[in-house]
Amino acid sequence: MRIQKDQVVQAALSLLDEAGIEGVTMRKLAQKLNIQAPSLYWHFASKTALLDGMADALITPVARAVKSRARWENVVTAVASELRGALLSRRDGARVFAGTYIVTENVLRVSEAMMGALRKAGAGERTAAWGCFSILHYVIGFTMEEQALDPRSNPEPVDLSKRRAHFSTFSPAAYPNVYAVLDDIFEEDLDARFLFGLNALLAGLKASL
């Protein structure tokens, strides 16, 4: 019985959790599926194509229940937060999604939700398009940095306590503003930090409407 494309993608996502993005190879995936590697190329011509399929699967749950009557800021915040959650659901999820530029029903649904909310608020075509992509890029970038702190994604994750201690080797007099906000630099509430940056983007977009 020939293996199905969805089975390949789900096995690849499972391998991603086990070995990280560098560990997802056609050879290892074939071993996981108990098939010969050439069989995979029936569905995916290359690892790049496989990553595209994985990226598409990652965002399957995003923007499924957009409330059309909600305020545009609430819609964009909800979709952005769902996207972040989807990328965080898998080891190296943000790295898988970054740079894929795939055009699928899932991607179009996410874009439609954000662009629709912006246009409904009065945004012109360029503001709606570029505003949407600015938010998407923010989510991807923030999540990549977030996952760099995760031991699953980084064999040598950043030890923030050690980084903070390293500040003692520098003079507070030379960097008074940095020292004044040291607690906020090392704030570990990543949800709050994410929403702060997202709200700053939304405020900028609101000013251009």
N, C-alpha and C. Protein backbone atom coordinates (compact mmCIF):
# COMPACT_ATOMS: atom_id res chain seq x y z
N MET A 1 0.85 -1.20 0.00
CA MET A 1 0.00 0.00 0.00
C MET A 1 0.88 1.25 0.00
N ARG A 2 0.64 2.13 -0.96
CA ARG A 2 1.47 3.33 -1.08
C ARG A 2 1.18 4.31 0.05
N ILE A 3 2.23 4.89 0.58
CA ILE A 3 2.07 5.83 1.68
C ILE A 3 1.47 7.13 1.16
N GLN A 4 0.64 7.76 2.00
CA GLN A 4 -0.04 8.99 1.60
C GLN A 4 0.78 10.22 1.99
N LYS A 5 0.55 11.31 1.26
CA LYS A 5 1.30 12.55 1.49
C LYS A 5 1.14 13.05 2.91
N ASP A 6 -0.08 13.00 3.44
CA ASP A 6 -0.32 13.48 4.80
C ASP A 6 0.46 12.66 5.82
N GLN A 7 0.59 11.36 5.57
CA GLN A 7 1.36 10.51 6.47
C GLN A 7 2.83 10.93 6.49
N VAL A 8 3.33 11.31 5.34
CA VAL A 8 4.73 11.76 5.25
C VAL A 8 4.92 13.04 6.05
N VAL A 9 3.99 13.97 5.90
CA VAL A 9 4.09 15.26 6.60
C VAL A 9 4.02 15.05 8.11
N GLN A 10 3.08 14.23 8.57
CA GLN A 10 2.94 14.01 10.01
C GLN A 10 4.17 13.30 10.58
N ALA A 11 4.73 12.38 9.83
CA ALA A 11 5.95 11.71 10.28
C ALA A 11 7.12 12.69 10.32
N ALA A 12 7.15 13.61 9.36
CA ALA A 12 8.21 14.62 9.32
C ALA A 12 8.10 15.55 10.52
N LEU A 13 6.89 15.92 10.89
CA LEU A 13 6.69 16.78 12.06
C LEU A 13 7.09 16.06 13.34
N SER A 14 6.80 14.78 13.40
CA SER A 14 7.22 13.98 14.56
C SER A 14 8.75 13.91 14.63
N LEU A 15 9.38 13.74 13.48
CA LEU A 15 10.84 13.71 13.43
C LEU A 15 11.42 15.07 13.81
N LEU A 16 10.73 16.13 13.43
CA LEU A 16 11.15 17.48 13.80
C LEU A 16 11.20 17.62 15.31
N ASP A 17 10.18 17.15 16.00
CA ASP A 17 10.16 17.21 17.46
C ASP A 17 11.31 16.40 18.07
N GLU A 18 11.64 15.30 17.44
CA GLU A 18 12.68 14.42 17.98
C GLU A 18 14.09 14.94 17.71
N ALA A 19 14.31 15.48 16.51
CA ALA A 19 15.68 15.75 16.08
C ALA A 19 15.95 17.19 15.67
N GLY A 20 14.92 18.04 15.63
CA GLY A 20 15.13 19.41 15.19
C GLY A 20 15.21 19.51 13.68
N ILE A 21 15.23 20.74 13.18
CA ILE A 21 15.17 20.93 11.73
C ILE A 21 16.37 20.33 11.01
N GLU A 22 17.55 20.39 11.63
CA GLU A 22 18.72 19.80 10.99
C GLU A 22 18.62 18.28 10.90
N GLY A 23 17.85 17.69 11.81
CA GLY A 23 17.72 16.24 11.83
C GLY A 23 16.66 15.70 10.90
N VAL A 24 15.91 16.59 10.27
CA VAL A 24 14.89 16.14 9.31
C VAL A 24 15.56 15.96 7.95
N THR A 25 15.88 14.72 7.64
CA THR A 25 16.47 14.39 6.34
C THR A 25 15.58 13.36 5.65
N MET A 26 15.71 13.28 4.36
CA MET A 26 14.89 12.31 3.62
C MET A 26 15.24 10.88 4.05
N ARG A 27 16.51 10.64 4.34
CA ARG A 27 16.93 9.31 4.76
C ARG A 27 16.31 8.92 6.10
N LYS A 28 16.40 9.84 7.08
CA LYS A 28 15.83 9.55 8.40
C LYS A 28 14.31 9.43 8.34
N LEU A 29 13.69 10.26 7.50
CA LEU A 29 12.24 10.20 7.38
C LEU A 29 11.81 8.87 6.76
N ALA A 30 12.54 8.42 5.77
CA ALA A 30 12.23 7.13 5.15
C ALA A 30 12.36 6.00 6.17
N GLN A 31 13.40 6.07 6.99
CA GLN A 31 13.58 5.06 8.04
C GLN A 31 12.41 5.08 9.02
N LYS A 32 11.96 6.26 9.37
CA LYS A 32 10.85 6.39 10.32
C LYS A 32 9.57 5.78 9.75
N LEU A 33 9.41 5.91 8.44
CA LEU A 33 8.20 5.41 7.78
C LEU A 33 8.36 3.96 7.30
N ASN A 34 9.57 3.41 7.50
CA ASN A 34 9.86 2.04 7.05
C ASN A 34 9.66 1.88 5.55
N ILE A 35 10.15 2.86 4.80
CA ILE A 35 10.08 2.80 3.35
C ILE A 35 11.45 3.17 2.78
N GLN A 36 11.61 3.00 1.49
CA GLN A 36 12.83 3.40 0.81
C GLN A 36 12.77 4.90 0.51
N ALA A 37 13.91 5.58 0.63
CA ALA A 37 13.95 7.03 0.42
C ALA A 37 13.35 7.47 -0.92
N PRO A 38 13.60 6.75 -2.03
CA PRO A 38 13.03 7.19 -3.31
C PRO A 38 11.51 7.32 -3.28
N SER A 39 10.84 6.56 -2.40
CA SER A 39 9.38 6.63 -2.32
C SER A 39 8.91 8.01 -1.86
N LEU A 40 9.75 8.69 -1.08
CA LEU A 40 9.38 10.01 -0.59
C LEU A 40 9.31 11.03 -1.71
N TYR A 41 10.15 10.84 -2.71
CA TYR A 41 10.23 11.82 -3.80
C TYR A 41 9.00 11.80 -4.69
N TRP A 42 8.16 10.80 -4.51
CA TRP A 42 6.88 10.78 -5.22
C TRP A 42 6.01 11.94 -4.75
N HIS A 43 6.14 12.27 -3.45
CA HIS A 43 5.35 13.35 -2.86
C HIS A 43 6.13 14.66 -2.75
N PHE A 44 7.42 14.58 -2.43
CA PHE A 44 8.23 15.78 -2.23
C PHE A 44 9.56 15.63 -2.97
N ALA A 45 9.80 16.52 -3.91
CA ALA A 45 10.97 16.41 -4.78
C ALA A 45 12.27 16.76 -4.06
N SER A 46 12.17 17.43 -2.92
CA SER A 46 13.37 17.86 -2.20
C SER A 46 13.02 18.13 -0.75
N LYS A 47 14.05 18.36 0.07
CA LYS A 47 13.80 18.72 1.46
C LYS A 47 13.08 20.06 1.54
N THR A 48 13.40 20.97 0.63
CA THR A 48 12.72 22.27 0.61
C THR A 48 11.23 22.08 0.40
N ALA A 49 10.86 21.22 -0.52
CA ALA A 49 9.44 20.95 -0.76
C ALA A 49 8.80 20.31 0.46
N LEU A 50 9.54 19.44 1.13
CA LEU A 50 9.03 18.81 2.35
C LEU A 50 8.79 19.85 3.43
N LEU A 51 9.75 20.77 3.61
CA LEU A 51 9.59 21.83 4.61
C LEU A 51 8.39 22.70 4.29
N ASP A 52 8.14 22.94 3.01
CA ASP A 52 6.95 23.70 2.62
C ASP A 52 5.68 22.98 3.08
N GLY A 53 5.65 21.67 2.88
CA GLY A 53 4.49 20.89 3.32
C GLY A 53 4.34 20.89 4.82
N MET A 54 5.45 20.84 5.54
CA MET A 54 5.41 20.89 7.00
C MET A 54 4.93 22.25 7.48
N ALA A 55 5.41 23.31 6.83
CA ALA A 55 5.01 24.67 7.20
C ALA A 55 3.51 24.85 7.01
N ASP A 56 3.00 24.32 5.91
CA ASP A 56 1.57 24.43 5.65
C ASP A 56 0.77 23.69 6.72
N ALA A 57 1.23 22.50 7.08
CA ALA A 57 0.52 21.72 8.10
C ALA A 57 0.55 22.41 9.46
N LEU A 58 1.65 23.09 9.76
CA LEU A 58 1.78 23.77 11.06
C LEU A 58 0.66 24.77 11.29
N ILE A 59 0.28 25.49 10.24
CA ILE A 59 -0.69 26.58 10.44
C ILE A 59 -2.13 26.17 10.12
N THR A 60 -2.36 24.88 10.00
CA THR A 60 -3.72 24.39 9.71
C THR A 60 -4.77 24.92 10.68
N PRO A 61 -4.49 25.02 12.00
CA PRO A 61 -5.53 25.47 12.93
C PRO A 61 -5.71 26.99 13.01
N VAL A 62 -4.85 27.76 12.34
CA VAL A 62 -4.85 29.22 12.52
C VAL A 62 -5.97 29.88 11.72
N ALA A 63 -6.61 30.87 12.35
CA ALA A 63 -7.64 31.70 11.70
C ALA A 63 -8.84 30.90 11.23
N ARG A 64 -9.22 29.89 11.99
CA ARG A 64 -10.38 29.07 11.64
C ARG A 64 -11.69 29.66 12.14
N ALA A 65 -11.61 30.52 13.15
CA ALA A 65 -12.84 31.03 13.77
C ALA A 65 -12.76 32.54 13.95
N VAL A 66 -12.50 33.25 12.85
CA VAL A 66 -12.41 34.71 12.91
C VAL A 66 -13.80 35.30 13.09
N LYS A 67 -13.93 36.20 14.06
CA LYS A 67 -15.22 36.86 14.32
C LYS A 67 -15.32 38.10 13.44
N SER A 68 -16.19 38.02 12.44
CA SER A 68 -16.27 39.09 11.45
C SER A 68 -16.69 40.43 12.04
N ARG A 69 -17.40 40.42 13.16
CA ARG A 69 -17.88 41.67 13.75
C ARG A 69 -16.93 42.22 14.80
N ALA A 70 -15.86 41.52 15.06
CA ALA A 70 -14.91 41.97 16.08
C ALA A 70 -14.13 43.17 15.57
N ARG A 71 -13.59 43.96 16.49
CA ARG A 71 -12.75 45.09 16.11
C ARG A 71 -11.52 44.58 15.37
N TRP A 72 -11.02 45.37 14.44
CA TRP A 72 -9.91 44.91 13.62
C TRP A 72 -8.68 44.57 14.46
N GLU A 73 -8.43 45.37 15.50
CA GLU A 73 -7.28 45.08 16.36
C GLU A 73 -7.41 43.72 17.03
N ASN A 74 -8.64 43.38 17.44
CA ASN A 74 -8.86 42.09 18.10
C ASN A 74 -8.68 40.92 17.13
N VAL A 75 -9.12 41.12 15.89
CA VAL A 75 -8.95 40.07 14.88
C VAL A 75 -7.47 39.82 14.62
N VAL A 76 -6.73 40.89 14.37
CA VAL A 76 -5.31 40.75 14.07
C VAL A 76 -4.55 40.15 15.25
N THR A 77 -4.88 40.60 16.46
CA THR A 77 -4.23 40.07 17.66
C THR A 77 -4.51 38.57 17.82
N ALA A 78 -5.76 38.18 17.58
CA ALA A 78 -6.13 36.78 17.72
C ALA A 78 -5.39 35.91 16.70
N VAL A 79 -5.37 36.36 15.45
CA VAL A 79 -4.71 35.57 14.40
C VAL A 79 -3.20 35.50 14.65
N ALA A 80 -2.59 36.62 15.02
CA ALA A 80 -1.15 36.64 15.30
C ALA A 80 -0.82 35.72 16.48
N SER A 81 -1.65 35.74 17.50
CA SER A 81 -1.42 34.90 18.68
C SER A 81 -1.60 33.42 18.34
N GLU A 82 -2.59 33.12 17.50
CA GLU A 82 -2.79 31.73 17.06
C GLU A 82 -1.60 31.25 16.24
N LEU A 83 -1.09 32.13 15.38
CA LEU A 83 0.07 31.75 14.57
C LEU A 83 1.28 31.48 15.45
N ARG A 84 1.51 32.34 16.42
CA ARG A 84 2.62 32.11 17.35
C ARG A 84 2.45 30.77 18.06
N GLY A 85 1.24 30.49 18.53
CA GLY A 85 0.99 29.22 19.21
C GLY A 85 1.23 28.02 18.31
N ALA A 86 0.84 28.14 17.04
CA ALA A 86 1.04 27.05 16.09
C ALA A 86 2.53 26.79 15.86
N LEU A 87 3.30 27.86 15.72
CA LEU A 87 4.74 27.71 15.49
C LEU A 87 5.43 27.15 16.72
N LEU A 88 4.96 27.54 17.90
CA LEU A 88 5.56 27.05 19.14
C LEU A 88 5.18 25.60 19.43
N SER A 89 4.16 25.10 18.75
CA SER A 89 3.67 23.75 19.04
C SER A 89 4.66 22.67 18.60
N ARG A 90 5.60 23.04 17.76
CA ARG A 90 6.60 22.08 17.28
C ARG A 90 8.00 22.63 17.47
N ARG A 91 8.91 21.78 17.80
CA ARG A 91 10.32 22.18 17.90
C ARG A 91 10.77 22.81 16.58
N ASP A 92 11.41 23.98 16.67
CA ASP A 92 11.90 24.69 15.49
C ASP A 92 10.78 25.06 14.52
N GLY A 93 9.56 25.18 15.04
CA GLY A 93 8.43 25.48 14.16
C GLY A 93 8.60 26.78 13.39
N ALA A 94 9.11 27.80 14.05
CA ALA A 94 9.30 29.10 13.38
C ALA A 94 10.35 28.99 12.28
N ARG A 95 11.40 28.23 12.52
CA ARG A 95 12.44 28.06 11.51
C ARG A 95 11.91 27.30 10.30
N VAL A 96 11.01 26.37 10.54
CA VAL A 96 10.40 25.64 9.43
C VAL A 96 9.58 26.58 8.56
N PHE A 97 8.82 27.45 9.22
CA PHE A 97 7.89 28.32 8.49
C PHE A 97 8.61 29.48 7.81
N ALA A 98 9.67 29.99 8.43
CA ALA A 98 10.36 31.18 7.92
C ALA A 98 10.92 30.93 6.52
N GLY A 99 10.67 31.87 5.63
CA GLY A 99 11.25 31.81 4.29
C GLY A 99 10.62 30.82 3.34
N THR A 100 9.48 30.23 3.70
CA THR A 100 8.86 29.26 2.80
C THR A 100 8.09 29.95 1.67
N TYR A 101 7.39 31.02 1.98
CA TYR A 101 6.63 31.78 0.97
C TYR A 101 5.69 30.88 0.18
N ILE A 102 5.06 29.95 0.88
CA ILE A 102 4.14 29.04 0.22
C ILE A 102 2.81 29.73 -0.04
N VAL A 103 2.11 29.27 -1.07
CA VAL A 103 0.77 29.77 -1.39
C VAL A 103 -0.18 28.59 -1.30
N THR A 104 -0.89 28.49 -0.18
CA THR A 104 -1.82 27.39 0.06
C THR A 104 -3.09 27.95 0.67
N GLU A 105 -4.09 27.10 0.79
CA GLU A 105 -5.35 27.52 1.41
C GLU A 105 -5.11 28.02 2.83
N ASN A 106 -4.24 27.35 3.57
CA ASN A 106 -3.98 27.76 4.95
C ASN A 106 -3.35 29.14 5.02
N VAL A 107 -2.35 29.38 4.17
CA VAL A 107 -1.68 30.68 4.14
C VAL A 107 -2.65 31.77 3.70
N LEU A 108 -3.43 31.49 2.67
CA LEU A 108 -4.38 32.48 2.18
C LEU A 108 -5.45 32.80 3.22
N ARG A 109 -5.87 31.80 3.98
CA ARG A 109 -6.87 32.05 5.03
C ARG A 109 -6.33 32.99 6.10
N VAL A 110 -5.09 32.78 6.52
CA VAL A 110 -4.47 33.65 7.52
C VAL A 110 -4.32 35.06 6.97
N SER A 111 -3.83 35.17 5.74
CA SER A 111 -3.65 36.49 5.13
C SER A 111 -4.98 37.19 4.92
N GLU A 112 -5.97 36.44 4.48
CA GLU A 112 -7.30 37.02 4.25
C GLU A 112 -7.88 37.58 5.54
N ALA A 113 -7.69 36.87 6.64
CA ALA A 113 -8.23 37.34 7.92
C ALA A 113 -7.59 38.66 8.33
N MET A 114 -6.27 38.75 8.22
CA MET A 114 -5.57 39.97 8.62
C MET A 114 -5.84 41.12 7.65
N MET A 115 -5.71 40.85 6.37
CA MET A 115 -5.92 41.91 5.38
C MET A 115 -7.36 42.38 5.38
N GLY A 116 -8.28 41.43 5.57
CA GLY A 116 -9.70 41.80 5.62
C GLY A 116 -9.99 42.71 6.80
N ALA A 117 -9.39 42.41 7.95
CA ALA A 117 -9.60 43.24 9.14
C ALA A 117 -9.04 44.64 8.91
N LEU A 118 -7.87 44.72 8.30
CA LEU A 118 -7.25 46.02 8.04
C LEU A 118 -8.05 46.83 7.02
N ARG A 119 -8.51 46.19 5.96
CA ARG A 119 -9.29 46.90 4.95
C ARG A 119 -10.63 47.35 5.50
N LYS A 120 -11.22 46.53 6.35
CA LYS A 120 -12.49 46.90 6.98
C LYS A 120 -12.31 48.13 7.86
N ALA A 121 -11.11 48.29 8.41
CA ALA A 121 -10.82 49.44 9.27
C ALA A 121 -10.50 50.69 8.46
N GLY A 122 -10.39 50.54 7.13
CA GLY A 122 -10.13 51.69 6.28
C GLY A 122 -8.77 51.72 5.64
N ALA A 123 -7.99 50.67 5.80
CA ALA A 123 -6.65 50.64 5.22
C ALA A 123 -6.72 50.52 3.70
N GLY A 124 -5.80 51.21 3.02
CA GLY A 124 -5.68 51.06 1.59
C GLY A 124 -5.01 49.74 1.26
N GLU A 125 -4.91 49.45 -0.05
CA GLU A 125 -4.37 48.17 -0.47
C GLU A 125 -2.94 47.94 0.05
N ARG A 126 -2.08 48.95 -0.11
CA ARG A 126 -0.69 48.77 0.31
C ARG A 126 -0.58 48.60 1.82
N THR A 127 -1.32 49.42 2.56
CA THR A 127 -1.26 49.33 4.02
C THR A 127 -1.76 47.97 4.49
N ALA A 128 -2.83 47.47 3.85
CA ALA A 128 -3.36 46.16 4.23
C ALA A 128 -2.36 45.05 3.93
N ALA A 129 -1.74 45.11 2.75
CA ALA A 129 -0.78 44.06 2.36
C ALA A 129 0.49 44.13 3.18
N TRP A 130 1.10 45.30 3.21
CA TRP A 130 2.37 45.43 3.92
C TRP A 130 2.18 45.35 5.43
N GLY A 131 1.04 45.84 5.91
CA GLY A 131 0.76 45.73 7.34
C GLY A 131 0.64 44.28 7.76
N CYS A 132 -0.05 43.49 6.95
CA CYS A 132 -0.19 42.05 7.23
C CYS A 132 1.17 41.37 7.28
N PHE A 133 2.01 41.64 6.29
CA PHE A 133 3.31 40.98 6.25
C PHE A 133 4.24 41.48 7.34
N SER A 134 4.10 42.73 7.73
CA SER A 134 4.91 43.23 8.85
C SER A 134 4.57 42.46 10.12
N ILE A 135 3.29 42.20 10.32
CA ILE A 135 2.86 41.45 11.50
C ILE A 135 3.33 40.00 11.42
N LEU A 136 3.18 39.39 10.25
CA LEU A 136 3.63 38.01 10.08
C LEU A 136 5.13 37.88 10.34
N HIS A 137 5.90 38.83 9.82
CA HIS A 137 7.35 38.79 10.03
C HIS A 137 7.69 38.99 11.50
N TYR A 138 6.94 39.84 12.18
CA TYR A 138 7.16 40.04 13.61
C TYR A 138 6.91 38.74 14.37
N VAL A 139 5.80 38.08 14.07
CA VAL A 139 5.46 36.83 14.76
C VAL A 139 6.55 35.78 14.54
N ILE A 140 6.97 35.63 13.29
CA ILE A 140 7.99 34.63 12.98
C ILE A 140 9.30 34.96 13.69
N GLY A 141 9.73 36.21 13.61
CA GLY A 141 10.99 36.61 14.24
C GLY A 141 10.96 36.47 15.74
N PHE A 142 9.87 36.91 16.36
CA PHE A 142 9.75 36.80 17.81
C PHE A 142 9.79 35.33 18.23
N THR A 143 9.06 34.50 17.49
CA THR A 143 8.98 33.09 17.85
C THR A 143 10.31 32.37 17.65
N MET A 144 11.05 32.75 16.62
CA MET A 144 12.38 32.17 16.42
C MET A 144 13.28 32.48 17.61
N GLU A 145 13.25 33.73 18.07
CA GLU A 145 14.05 34.11 19.24
C GLU A 145 13.56 33.37 20.49
N GLU A 146 12.25 33.23 20.59
CA GLU A 146 11.66 32.54 21.73
C GLU A 146 12.11 31.07 21.77
N GLN A 147 12.10 30.43 20.62
CA GLN A 147 12.48 29.02 20.57
C GLN A 147 13.98 28.82 20.76
N ALA A 148 14.76 29.87 20.53
CA ALA A 148 16.21 29.77 20.78
C ALA A 148 16.50 29.60 22.27
N LEU A 149 15.52 29.97 23.11
CA LEU A 149 15.68 29.79 24.56
C LEU A 149 15.21 28.41 25.02
N ASP A 150 14.61 27.66 24.10
CA ASP A 150 14.04 26.35 24.42
C ASP A 150 15.11 25.27 24.29
N PRO A 151 15.37 24.51 25.35
CA PRO A 151 16.38 23.44 25.28
C PRO A 151 16.10 22.42 24.17
N ARG A 152 14.83 22.27 23.78
CA ARG A 152 14.51 21.33 22.70
C ARG A 152 15.11 21.79 21.37
N SER A 153 15.10 23.12 21.16
CA SER A 153 15.57 23.67 19.90
C SER A 153 17.04 24.02 19.91
N ASN A 154 17.57 24.27 21.09
CA ASN A 154 18.95 24.72 21.19
C ASN A 154 19.70 23.86 22.21
N PRO A 155 20.65 23.05 21.76
CA PRO A 155 21.41 22.19 22.68
C PRO A 155 22.12 22.98 23.77
N GLU A 156 22.44 24.23 23.46
CA GLU A 156 23.10 25.11 24.42
C GLU A 156 22.27 26.39 24.56
N PRO A 157 21.08 26.28 25.16
CA PRO A 157 20.21 27.45 25.27
C PRO A 157 20.84 28.57 26.07
N VAL A 158 20.41 29.78 25.76
CA VAL A 158 20.95 30.95 26.45
C VAL A 158 20.54 30.91 27.92
N ASP A 159 21.50 31.07 28.80
CA ASP A 159 21.24 31.16 30.24
C ASP A 159 21.13 32.64 30.59
N LEU A 160 19.89 33.11 30.74
CA LEU A 160 19.68 34.54 30.96
C LEU A 160 20.28 35.03 32.27
N SER A 161 20.30 34.16 33.28
CA SER A 161 20.89 34.58 34.56
C SER A 161 22.38 34.86 34.40
N LYS A 162 23.05 34.03 33.60
CA LYS A 162 24.48 34.25 33.36
C LYS A 162 24.70 35.50 32.52
N ARG A 163 23.80 35.74 31.56
CA ARG A 163 23.92 36.94 30.74
C ARG A 163 23.75 38.19 31.61
N ARG A 164 22.81 38.12 32.53
CA ARG A 164 22.60 39.27 33.40
C ARG A 164 23.82 39.49 34.30
N ALA A 165 24.37 38.41 34.82
CA ALA A 165 25.54 38.52 35.69
C ALA A 165 26.72 39.13 34.94
N HIS A 166 26.76 38.90 33.64
CA HIS A 166 27.86 39.42 32.83
C HIS A 166 27.85 40.95 32.78
N PHE A 167 26.68 41.53 33.03
CA PHE A 167 26.59 42.99 33.03
C PHE A 167 27.49 43.61 34.10
N SER A 168 27.79 42.85 35.14
CA SER A 168 28.61 43.38 36.23
C SER A 168 30.03 43.70 35.77
N THR A 169 30.41 43.19 34.59
CA THR A 169 31.75 43.48 34.08
C THR A 169 31.82 44.81 33.34
N PHE A 170 30.66 45.46 33.20
CA PHE A 170 30.61 46.75 32.51
C PHE A 170 30.26 47.86 33.51
N SER A 171 30.65 49.05 33.20
CA SER A 171 30.42 50.19 34.09
C SER A 171 29.01 50.76 33.93
N PRO A 172 28.22 50.83 35.03
CA PRO A 172 26.90 51.46 34.95
C PRO A 172 26.99 52.92 34.51
N ALA A 173 28.09 53.57 34.85
CA ALA A 173 28.25 54.97 34.46
C ALA A 173 28.37 55.13 32.95
N ALA A 174 28.92 54.12 32.30
CA ALA A 174 29.08 54.18 30.85
C ALA A 174 27.79 53.86 30.11
N TYR A 175 26.93 53.05 30.75
CA TYR A 175 25.68 52.63 30.11
C TYR A 175 24.50 52.84 31.07
N PRO A 176 24.25 54.07 31.50
CA PRO A 176 23.23 54.32 32.53
C PRO A 176 21.82 53.94 32.09
N ASN A 177 21.51 54.14 30.82
CA ASN A 177 20.15 53.84 30.35
C ASN A 177 19.90 52.34 30.28
N VAL A 178 20.92 51.60 29.88
CA VAL A 178 20.78 50.14 29.86
C VAL A 178 20.57 49.60 31.27
N TYR A 179 21.37 50.09 32.22
CA TYR A 179 21.24 49.63 33.60
C TYR A 179 19.91 50.05 34.22
N ALA A 180 19.37 51.17 33.77
CA ALA A 180 18.09 51.65 34.32
C ALA A 180 16.93 50.72 33.97
N VAL A 181 17.05 50.00 32.85
CA VAL A 181 15.95 49.14 32.41
C VAL A 181 16.33 47.66 32.45
N LEU A 182 17.31 47.32 33.26
CA LEU A 182 17.84 45.96 33.28
C LEU A 182 16.76 44.92 33.62
N ASP A 183 15.90 45.25 34.57
CA ASP A 183 14.84 44.30 34.95
C ASP A 183 13.93 44.00 33.76
N ASP A 184 13.64 45.02 32.98
CA ASP A 184 12.75 44.83 31.83
C ASP A 184 13.45 44.11 30.68
N ILE A 185 14.74 44.31 30.55
CA ILE A 185 15.50 43.59 29.53
C ILE A 185 15.40 42.08 29.76
N PHE A 186 15.45 41.68 31.02
CA PHE A 186 15.45 40.26 31.34
C PHE A 186 14.09 39.75 31.83
N GLU A 187 13.04 40.50 31.57
CA GLU A 187 11.69 40.04 31.90
C GLU A 187 11.40 38.73 31.16
N GLU A 188 10.95 37.73 31.88
CA GLU A 188 10.76 36.40 31.29
C GLU A 188 9.32 36.11 30.88
N ASP A 189 8.42 37.07 31.06
CA ASP A 189 7.04 36.89 30.62
C ASP A 189 6.98 37.13 29.11
N LEU A 190 7.17 36.07 28.34
CA LEU A 190 7.25 36.21 26.89
C LEU A 190 5.91 36.54 26.27
N ASP A 191 4.82 36.13 26.90
CA ASP A 191 3.50 36.50 26.40
C ASP A 191 3.32 38.02 26.45
N ALA A 192 3.73 38.62 27.57
CA ALA A 192 3.62 40.07 27.72
C ALA A 192 4.52 40.79 26.73
N ARG A 193 5.71 40.28 26.54
CA ARG A 193 6.65 40.89 25.60
C ARG A 193 6.12 40.80 24.18
N PHE A 194 5.53 39.66 23.84
CA PHE A 194 4.97 39.49 22.50
C PHE A 194 3.85 40.49 22.25
N LEU A 195 2.94 40.61 23.19
CA LEU A 195 1.81 41.52 23.02
C LEU A 195 2.26 42.97 23.00
N PHE A 196 3.30 43.31 23.75
CA PHE A 196 3.82 44.68 23.72
C PHE A 196 4.27 45.04 22.31
N GLY A 197 5.07 44.17 21.70
CA GLY A 197 5.55 44.44 20.35
C GLY A 197 4.43 44.47 19.34
N LEU A 198 3.48 43.54 19.47
CA LEU A 198 2.36 43.49 18.55
C LEU A 198 1.51 44.75 18.67
N ASN A 199 1.25 45.19 19.89
CA ASN A 199 0.46 46.40 20.10
C ASN A 199 1.15 47.63 19.54
N ALA A 200 2.48 47.65 19.60
CA ALA A 200 3.23 48.77 19.02
C ALA A 200 3.03 48.80 17.50
N LEU A 201 3.04 47.63 16.88
CA LEU A 201 2.79 47.55 15.44
C LEU A 201 1.38 48.01 15.11
N LEU A 202 0.42 47.56 15.90
CA LEU A 202 -0.98 47.93 15.66
C LEU A 202 -1.18 49.43 15.82
N ALA A 203 -0.51 50.02 16.79
CA ALA A 203 -0.62 51.47 16.99
C ALA A 203 -0.09 52.22 15.77
N GLY A 204 1.01 51.73 15.21
CA GLY A 204 1.56 52.36 14.02
C GLY A 204 0.63 52.22 12.83
N LEU A 205 0.01 51.06 12.67
CA LEU A 205 -0.94 50.86 11.58
C LEU A 205 -2.18 51.73 11.77
N LYS A 206 -2.64 51.82 13.01
CA LYS A 206 -3.83 52.63 13.29
C LYS A 206 -3.60 54.09 12.91
N ALA A 207 -2.38 54.57 13.13
CA ALA A 207 -2.06 55.96 12.80
C ALA A 207 -2.07 56.22 11.30
N SER A 208 -1.93 55.14 10.51
CA SER A 208 -1.89 55.31 9.06
C SER A 208 -3.24 55.08 8.40
N LEU A 209 -4.24 54.73 9.18
CA LEU A 209 -5.57 54.46 8.61
C LEU A 209 -6.31 55.77 8.30
